[in-house]
PDB file of N, CA and C in Angstrom:
ATOM      1  N   MET A   1      -9.867  24.271 -28.013  1.00  0.00           N
ATOM      2  CA  MET A   1     -10.642  24.642 -26.837  1.00  0.00           C
ATOM      3  C   MET A   1     -10.503  23.605 -25.727  1.00  0.00           C
ATOM      4  N   ILE A   2     -10.608  22.326 -26.101  1.00  0.00           N
ATOM      5  CA  ILE A   2     -10.478  21.266 -25.097  1.00  0.00           C
ATOM      6  C   ILE A   2      -9.058  21.242 -24.534  1.00  0.00           C
ATOM      7  N   GLY A   3      -8.077  21.538 -25.372  1.00  0.00           N
ATOM      8  CA  GLY A   3      -6.683  21.571 -24.924  1.00  0.00           C
ATOM      9  C   GLY A   3      -6.438  22.629 -23.859  1.00  0.00           C
ATOM     10  N   ILE A   4      -7.097  23.754 -23.975  1.00  0.00           N
ATOM     11  CA  ILE A   4      -6.945  24.828 -22.989  1.00  0.00           C
ATOM     12  C   ILE A   4      -7.513  24.393 -21.646  1.00  0.00           C
ATOM     13  N   TYR A   5      -8.696  23.750 -21.671  1.00  0.00           N
ATOM     14  CA  TYR A   5      -9.286  23.247 -20.426  1.00  0.00           C
ATOM     15  C   TYR A   5      -8.392  22.199 -19.778  1.00  0.00           C
ATOM     16  N   PHE A   6      -7.826  21.328 -20.587  1.00  0.00           N
ATOM     17  CA  PHE A   6      -6.938  20.290 -20.070  1.00  0.00           C
ATOM     18  C   PHE A   6      -5.723  20.902 -19.381  1.00  0.00           C
ATOM     19  N   ILE A   7      -5.139  21.909 -19.995  1.00  0.00           N
ATOM     20  CA  ILE A   7      -3.967  22.567 -19.408  1.00  0.00           C
ATOM     21  C   ILE A   7      -4.334  23.259 -18.100  1.00  0.00           C
ATOM     22  N   ILE A   8      -5.462  23.932 -18.066  1.00  0.00           N
ATOM     23  CA  ILE A   8      -5.900  24.619 -16.845  1.00  0.00           C
ATOM     24  C   ILE A   8      -6.139  23.621 -15.719  1.00  0.00           C
ATOM     25  N   ILE A   9      -6.809  22.522 -16.019  1.00  0.00           N
ATOM     26  CA  ILE A   9      -7.080  21.496 -15.001  1.00  0.00           C
ATOM     27  C   ILE A   9      -5.783  20.862 -14.525  1.00  0.00           C
ATOM     28  N   ALA A  10      -4.861  20.595 -15.441  1.00  0.00           N
ATOM     29  CA  ALA A  10      -3.579  19.998 -15.062  1.00  0.00           C
ATOM     30  C   ALA A  10      -2.790  20.927 -14.144  1.00  0.00           C
ATOM     31  N   VAL A  11      -2.819  22.213 -14.417  1.00  0.00           N
ATOM     32  CA  VAL A  11      -2.114  23.181 -13.572  1.00  0.00           C
ATOM     33  C   VAL A  11      -2.749  23.244 -12.187  1.00  0.00           C
ATOM     34  N   ILE A  12      -4.057  23.245 -12.113  1.00  0.00           N
ATOM     35  CA  ILE A  12      -4.754  23.285 -10.815  1.00  0.00           C
ATOM     36  C   ILE A  12      -4.441  22.041  -9.994  1.00  0.00           C
ATOM     37  N   ILE A  13      -4.492  20.880 -10.631  1.00  0.00           N
ATOM     38  CA  ILE A  13      -4.180  19.632  -9.917  1.00  0.00           C
ATOM     39  C   ILE A  13      -2.722  19.619  -9.483  1.00  0.00           C
ATOM     40  N   GLY A  14      -1.831  20.091 -10.331  1.00  0.00           N
ATOM     41  CA  GLY A  14      -0.416  20.166  -9.969  1.00  0.00           C
ATOM     42  C   GLY A  14      -0.173  21.075  -8.776  1.00  0.00           C
ATOM     43  N   LEU A  15      -0.831  22.210  -8.748  1.00  0.00           N
ATOM     44  CA  LEU A  15      -0.689  23.121  -7.606  1.00  0.00           C
ATOM     45  C   LEU A  15      -1.239  22.505  -6.321  1.00  0.00           C
ATOM     46  N   ALA A  16      -2.330  21.759  -6.436  1.00  0.00           N
ATOM     47  CA  ALA A  16      -2.896  21.099  -5.255  1.00  0.00           C
ATOM     48  C   ALA A  16      -1.914  20.068  -4.690  1.00  0.00           C
ATOM     49  N   PHE A  17      -1.334  19.249  -5.563  1.00  0.00           N
ATOM     50  CA  PHE A  17      -0.355  18.258  -5.094  1.00  0.00           C
ATOM     51  C   PHE A  17       0.884  18.935  -4.521  1.00  0.00           C
ATOM     52  N   LEU A  18       1.325  19.987  -5.148  1.00  0.00           N
ATOM     53  CA  LEU A  18       2.483  20.723  -4.655  1.00  0.00           C
ATOM     54  C   LEU A  18       2.200  21.308  -3.272  1.00  0.00           C
ATOM     55  N   GLY A  19       1.014  21.873  -3.085  1.00  0.00           N
ATOM     56  CA  GLY A  19       0.643  22.430  -1.783  1.00  0.00           C
ATOM     57  C   GLY A  19       0.571  21.372  -0.696  1.00  0.00           C
ATOM     58  N   LEU A  20       0.001  20.216  -1.020  1.00  0.00           N
ATOM     59  CA  LEU A  20      -0.064  19.130  -0.032  1.00  0.00           C
ATOM     60  C   LEU A  20       1.328  18.624   0.322  1.00  0.00           C
ATOM     61  N   GLY A  21       2.170  18.492  -0.673  1.00  0.00           N
ATOM     62  CA  GLY A  21       3.530  18.010  -0.429  1.00  0.00           C
ATOM     63  C   GLY A  21       4.344  18.979   0.407  1.00  0.00           C
ATOM     64  N   ILE A  22       4.236  20.256   0.107  1.00  0.00           N
ATOM     65  CA  ILE A  22       4.994  21.261   0.854  1.00  0.00           C
ATOM     66  C   ILE A  22       4.504  21.335   2.294  1.00  0.00           C
ATOM     67  N   SER A  23       3.192  21.297   2.496  1.00  0.00           N
ATOM     68  CA  SER A  23       2.685  21.386   3.863  1.00  0.00           C
ATOM     69  C   SER A  23       3.092  20.158   4.686  1.00  0.00           C
ATOM     70  N   THR A  24       3.124  18.994   4.087  1.00  0.00           N
ATOM     71  CA  THR A  24       3.549  17.791   4.807  1.00  0.00           C
ATOM     72  C   THR A  24       5.047  17.792   5.036  1.00  0.00           C
ATOM     73  N   PHE A  25       5.814  18.240   4.062  1.00  0.00           N
ATOM     74  CA  PHE A  25       7.264  18.198   4.162  1.00  0.00           C
ATOM     75  C   PHE A  25       7.812  19.199   5.175  1.00  0.00           C
ATOM     76  N   PHE A  26       7.264  20.392   5.220  1.00  0.00           N
ATOM     77  CA  PHE A  26       7.812  21.431   6.085  1.00  0.00           C
ATOM     78  C   PHE A  26       7.152  21.526   7.458  1.00  0.00           C
ATOM     79  N   SER A  27       6.078  20.838   7.686  1.00  0.00           N
ATOM     80  CA  SER A  27       5.418  20.884   8.985  1.00  0.00           C
ATOM     81  C   SER A  27       6.098  19.919   9.941  1.00  0.00           C
ATOM     82  N   LYS A  28       6.332  20.342  11.164  1.00  0.00           N
ATOM     83  CA  LYS A  28       6.992  19.487  12.141  1.00  0.00           C
ATOM     84  C   LYS A  28       6.015  18.532  12.815  1.00  0.00           C
ATOM     85  N   LYS A  29       4.750  18.855  12.847  1.00  0.00           N
ATOM     86  CA  LYS A  29       3.758  18.013  13.508  1.00  0.00           C
ATOM     87  C   LYS A  29       3.289  16.871  12.615  1.00  0.00           C
ATOM     88  N   LYS A  30       3.299  17.070  11.331  1.00  0.00           N
ATOM     89  CA  LYS A  30       2.781  16.065  10.415  1.00  0.00           C
ATOM     90  C   LYS A  30       3.870  15.084  10.026  1.00  0.00           C
ATOM     91  N   LYS A  31       3.475  13.825   9.822  1.00  0.00           N
ATOM     92  CA  LYS A  31       4.376  12.796   9.343  1.00  0.00           C
ATOM     93  C   LYS A  31       3.718  12.128   8.144  1.00  0.00           C
ATOM     94  N   PHE A  32       4.538  11.514   7.318  1.00  0.00           N
ATOM     95  CA  PHE A  32       3.968  10.727   6.247  1.00  0.00           C
ATOM     96  C   PHE A  32       3.306   9.507   6.872  1.00  0.00           C
ATOM     97  N   PRO A  33       2.113   9.161   6.463  1.00  0.00           N
ATOM     98  CA  PRO A  33       1.411   8.035   7.090  1.00  0.00           C
ATOM     99  C   PRO A  33       2.084   6.704   6.779  1.00  0.00           C
ATOM    100  N   ASP A  34       2.130   5.827   7.766  1.00  0.00           N
ATOM    101  CA  ASP A  34       2.666   4.489   7.585  1.00  0.00           C
ATOM    102  C   ASP A  34       1.494   3.573   7.270  1.00  0.00           C
ATOM    103  N   THR A  35       1.405   3.132   6.049  1.00  0.00           N
ATOM    104  CA  THR A  35       0.258   2.327   5.625  1.00  0.00           C
ATOM    105  C   THR A  35       0.578   0.846   5.533  1.00  0.00           C
ATOM    106  N   HIS A  36       1.769   0.443   5.947  1.00  0.00           N
ATOM    107  CA  HIS A  36       2.146  -0.963   5.870  1.00  0.00           C
ATOM    108  C   HIS A  36       1.385  -1.758   6.925  1.00  0.00           C
ATOM    109  N   ILE A  37       0.745  -2.822   6.522  1.00  0.00           N
ATOM    110  CA  ILE A  37      -0.103  -3.612   7.424  1.00  0.00           C
ATOM    111  C   ILE A  37       0.725  -4.248   8.537  1.00  0.00           C
ATOM    112  N   GLY A  38       1.929  -4.674   8.232  1.00  0.00           N
ATOM    113  CA  GLY A  38       2.758  -5.369   9.214  1.00  0.00           C
ATOM    114  C   GLY A  38       3.140  -4.516  10.409  1.00  0.00           C
ATOM    115  N   LYS A  39       3.096  -3.210  10.274  1.00  0.00           N
ATOM    116  CA  LYS A  39       3.477  -2.322  11.376  1.00  0.00           C
ATOM    117  C   LYS A  39       2.273  -1.716  12.086  1.00  0.00           C
ATOM    118  N   ASN A  40       1.082  -2.082  11.677  1.00  0.00           N
ATOM    119  CA  ASN A  40      -0.135  -1.535  12.256  1.00  0.00           C
ATOM    120  C   ASN A  40      -0.493  -2.323  13.515  1.00  0.00           C
ATOM    121  N   LYS A  41      -0.614  -1.635  14.645  1.00  0.00           N
ATOM    122  CA  LYS A  41      -0.858  -2.276  15.941  1.00  0.00           C
ATOM    123  C   LYS A  41      -2.200  -3.026  15.969  1.00  0.00           C
ATOM    124  N   ALA A  42      -3.254  -2.423  15.431  1.00  0.00           N
ATOM    125  CA  ALA A  42      -4.570  -3.057  15.444  1.00  0.00           C
ATOM    126  C   ALA A  42      -4.578  -4.330  14.599  1.00  0.00           C
ATOM    127  N   MET A  43      -3.877  -4.321  13.484  1.00  0.00           N
ATOM    128  CA  MET A  43      -3.814  -5.516  12.638  1.00  0.00           C
ATOM    129  C   MET A  43      -3.033  -6.634  13.320  1.00  0.00           C
ATOM    130  N   LYS A  44      -1.964  -6.270  14.029  1.00  0.00           N
ATOM    131  CA  LYS A  44      -1.189  -7.285  14.749  1.00  0.00           C
ATOM    132  C   LYS A  44      -2.034  -7.956  15.826  1.00  0.00           C
ATOM    133  N   GLU A  45      -2.854  -7.167  16.516  1.00  0.00           N
ATOM    134  CA  GLU A  45      -3.716  -7.726  17.561  1.00  0.00           C
ATOM    135  C   GLU A  45      -4.721  -8.715  16.988  1.00  0.00           C
ATOM    136  N   ARG A  46      -5.157  -8.499  15.761  1.00  0.00           N
ATOM    137  CA  ARG A  46      -6.118  -9.399  15.114  1.00  0.00           C
ATOM    138  C   ARG A  46      -5.434 -10.571  14.421  1.00  0.00           C
ATOM    139  N   GLY A  47      -4.107 -10.568  14.371  1.00  0.00           N
ATOM    140  CA  GLY A  47      -3.375 -11.650  13.722  1.00  0.00           C
ATOM    141  C   GLY A  47      -3.310 -11.525  12.216  1.00  0.00           C
ATOM    142  N   ILE A  48      -3.527 -10.318  11.695  1.00  0.00           N
ATOM    143  CA  ILE A  48      -3.502 -10.083  10.253  1.00  0.00           C
ATOM    144  C   ILE A  48      -2.121  -9.565   9.878  1.00  0.00           C
ATOM    145  N   SER A  49      -1.514 -10.172   8.872  1.00  0.00           N
ATOM    146  CA  SER A  49      -0.207  -9.722   8.415  1.00  0.00           C
ATOM    147  C   SER A  49      -0.288  -9.362   6.937  1.00  0.00           C
ATOM    148  N   CYS A  50       0.806  -8.828   6.414  1.00  0.00           N
ATOM    149  CA  CYS A  50       0.808  -8.395   5.012  1.00  0.00           C
ATOM    150  C   CYS A  50       0.830  -9.608   4.084  1.00  0.00           C
ATOM    151  N   ALA A  51       0.558  -9.381   2.826  1.00  0.00           N
ATOM    152  CA  ALA A  51       0.463 -10.464   1.852  1.00  0.00           C
ATOM    153  C   ALA A  51       1.797 -11.190   1.682  1.00  0.00           C
ATOM    154  N   ALA A  52       2.905 -10.472   1.720  1.00  0.00           N
ATOM    155  CA  ALA A  52       4.215 -11.100   1.552  1.00  0.00           C
ATOM    156  C   ALA A  52       4.526 -12.040   2.714  1.00  0.00           C
ATOM    157  N   THR A  53       4.203 -11.623   3.931  1.00  0.00           N
ATOM    158  CA  THR A  53       4.434 -12.471   5.100  1.00  0.00           C
ATOM    159  C   THR A  53       3.534 -13.698   5.066  1.00  0.00           C
ATOM    160  N   THR A  54       2.279 -13.514   4.713  1.00  0.00           N
ATOM    161  CA  THR A  54       1.348 -14.640   4.618  1.00  0.00           C
ATOM    162  C   THR A  54       1.817 -15.631   3.569  1.00  0.00           C
ATOM    163  N   ASP A  55       2.256 -15.153   2.420  1.00  0.00           N
ATOM    164  CA  ASP A  55       2.744 -16.022   1.354  1.00  0.00           C
ATOM    165  C   ASP A  55       3.980 -16.792   1.802  1.00  0.00           C
ATOM    166  N   ARG A  56       4.896 -16.115   2.499  1.00  0.00           N
ATOM    167  CA  ARG A  56       6.114 -16.774   2.984  1.00  0.00           C
ATOM    168  C   ARG A  56       5.783 -17.877   3.977  1.00  0.00           C
ATOM    169  N   LYS A  57       4.831 -17.635   4.876  1.00  0.00           N
ATOM    170  CA  LYS A  57       4.431 -18.649   5.853  1.00  0.00           C
ATOM    171  C   LYS A  57       3.777 -19.848   5.176  1.00  0.00           C
ATOM    172  N   GLU A  58       2.926 -19.592   4.183  1.00  0.00           N
ATOM    173  CA  GLU A  58       2.255 -20.686   3.482  1.00  0.00           C
ATOM    174  C   GLU A  58       3.235 -21.515   2.660  1.00  0.00           C
ATOM    175  N   ARG A  59       4.219 -20.872   2.043  1.00  0.00           N
ATOM    176  CA  ARG A  59       5.213 -21.617   1.269  1.00  0.00           C
ATOM    177  C   ARG A  59       6.100 -22.471   2.182  1.00  0.00           C
ATOM    178  N   ALA A  60       6.366 -22.001   3.396  1.00  0.00           N
ATOM    179  CA  ALA A  60       7.200 -22.763   4.327  1.00  0.00           C
ATOM    180  C   ALA A  60       6.483 -24.015   4.819  1.00  0.00           C
ATOM    181  N   SER A  61       5.163 -23.947   4.935  1.00  0.00           N
ATOM    182  CA  SER A  61       4.418 -25.093   5.455  1.00  0.00           C
ATOM    183  C   SER A  61       3.764 -25.925   4.349  1.00  0.00           C
ATOM    184  N   TYR A  62       4.180 -25.726   3.093  1.00  0.00           N
ATOM    185  CA  TYR A  62       3.575 -26.431   1.964  1.00  0.00           C
ATOM    186  C   TYR A  62       3.996 -27.883   1.942  1.00  0.00           C
ATOM    187  N   LYS A  63       3.020 -28.766   1.796  1.00  0.00           N
ATOM    188  CA  LYS A  63       3.278 -30.192   1.651  1.00  0.00           C
ATOM    189  C   LYS A  63       2.483 -30.671   0.434  1.00  0.00           C
ATOM    190  N   PRO A  64       3.176 -31.155  -0.596  1.00  0.00           N
ATOM    191  CA  PRO A  64       2.448 -31.581  -1.789  1.00  0.00           C
ATOM    192  C   PRO A  64       1.555 -32.795  -1.508  1.00  0.00           C
ATOM    193  N   ILE A  65       0.507 -32.914  -2.279  1.00  0.00           N
ATOM    194  CA  ILE A  65      -0.424 -34.028  -2.134  1.00  0.00           C
ATOM    195  C   ILE A  65       0.166 -35.242  -2.830  1.00  0.00           C
ATOM    196  N   GLU A  66       0.155 -36.363  -2.134  1.00  0.00           N
ATOM    197  CA  GLU A  66       0.660 -37.607  -2.725  1.00  0.00           C
ATOM    198  C   GLU A  66      -0.488 -38.287  -3.458  1.00  0.00           C
ATOM    199  N   ILE A  67      -0.215 -38.676  -4.683  1.00  0.00           N
ATOM    200  CA  ILE A  67      -1.208 -39.365  -5.489  1.00  0.00           C
ATOM    201  C   ILE A  67      -0.893 -40.859  -5.422  1.00  0.00           C
ATOM    202  N   LYS A  68      -1.870 -41.640  -4.943  1.00  0.00           N
ATOM    203  CA  LYS A  68      -1.669 -43.086  -4.847  1.00  0.00           C
ATOM    204  C   LYS A  68      -2.154 -43.735  -6.128  1.00  0.00           C
ATOM    205  N   LYS A  69      -1.316 -44.599  -6.641  1.00  0.00           N
ATOM    206  CA  LYS A  69      -1.660 -45.291  -7.879  1.00  0.00           C
ATOM    207  C   LYS A  69      -2.441 -46.554  -7.561  1.00  0.00           C
ATOM    208  N   ALA A  70      -3.435 -46.848  -8.372  1.00  0.00           N
ATOM    209  CA  ALA A  70      -4.225 -48.062  -8.193  1.00  0.00           C
ATOM    210  C   ALA A  70      -3.416 -49.275  -8.656  1.00  0.00           C
ATOM    211  N   LYS A  71      -3.574 -50.404  -7.960  1.00  0.00           N
ATOM    212  CA  LYS A  71      -2.836 -51.623  -8.314  1.00  0.00           C
ATOM    213  C   LYS A  71      -3.537 -52.450  -9.347  1.00  0.00           C
TER     214      LYS A  71
END
């Protein structure tokens, strides 16, 4: 009994995803959303960049701490 419900729900969810994909793919007005932070205009204005860019900048400016030994 539970298996039948699972199959029915899986088919319904599959049809929903298929419908969303087809409507986005064949519509000329719709585009796939660009969710990358680095290309977002509002984020650039605030000085926020993606995690990879932030990590690269921090690694470039890394200076290890010097440990002074006591005499």
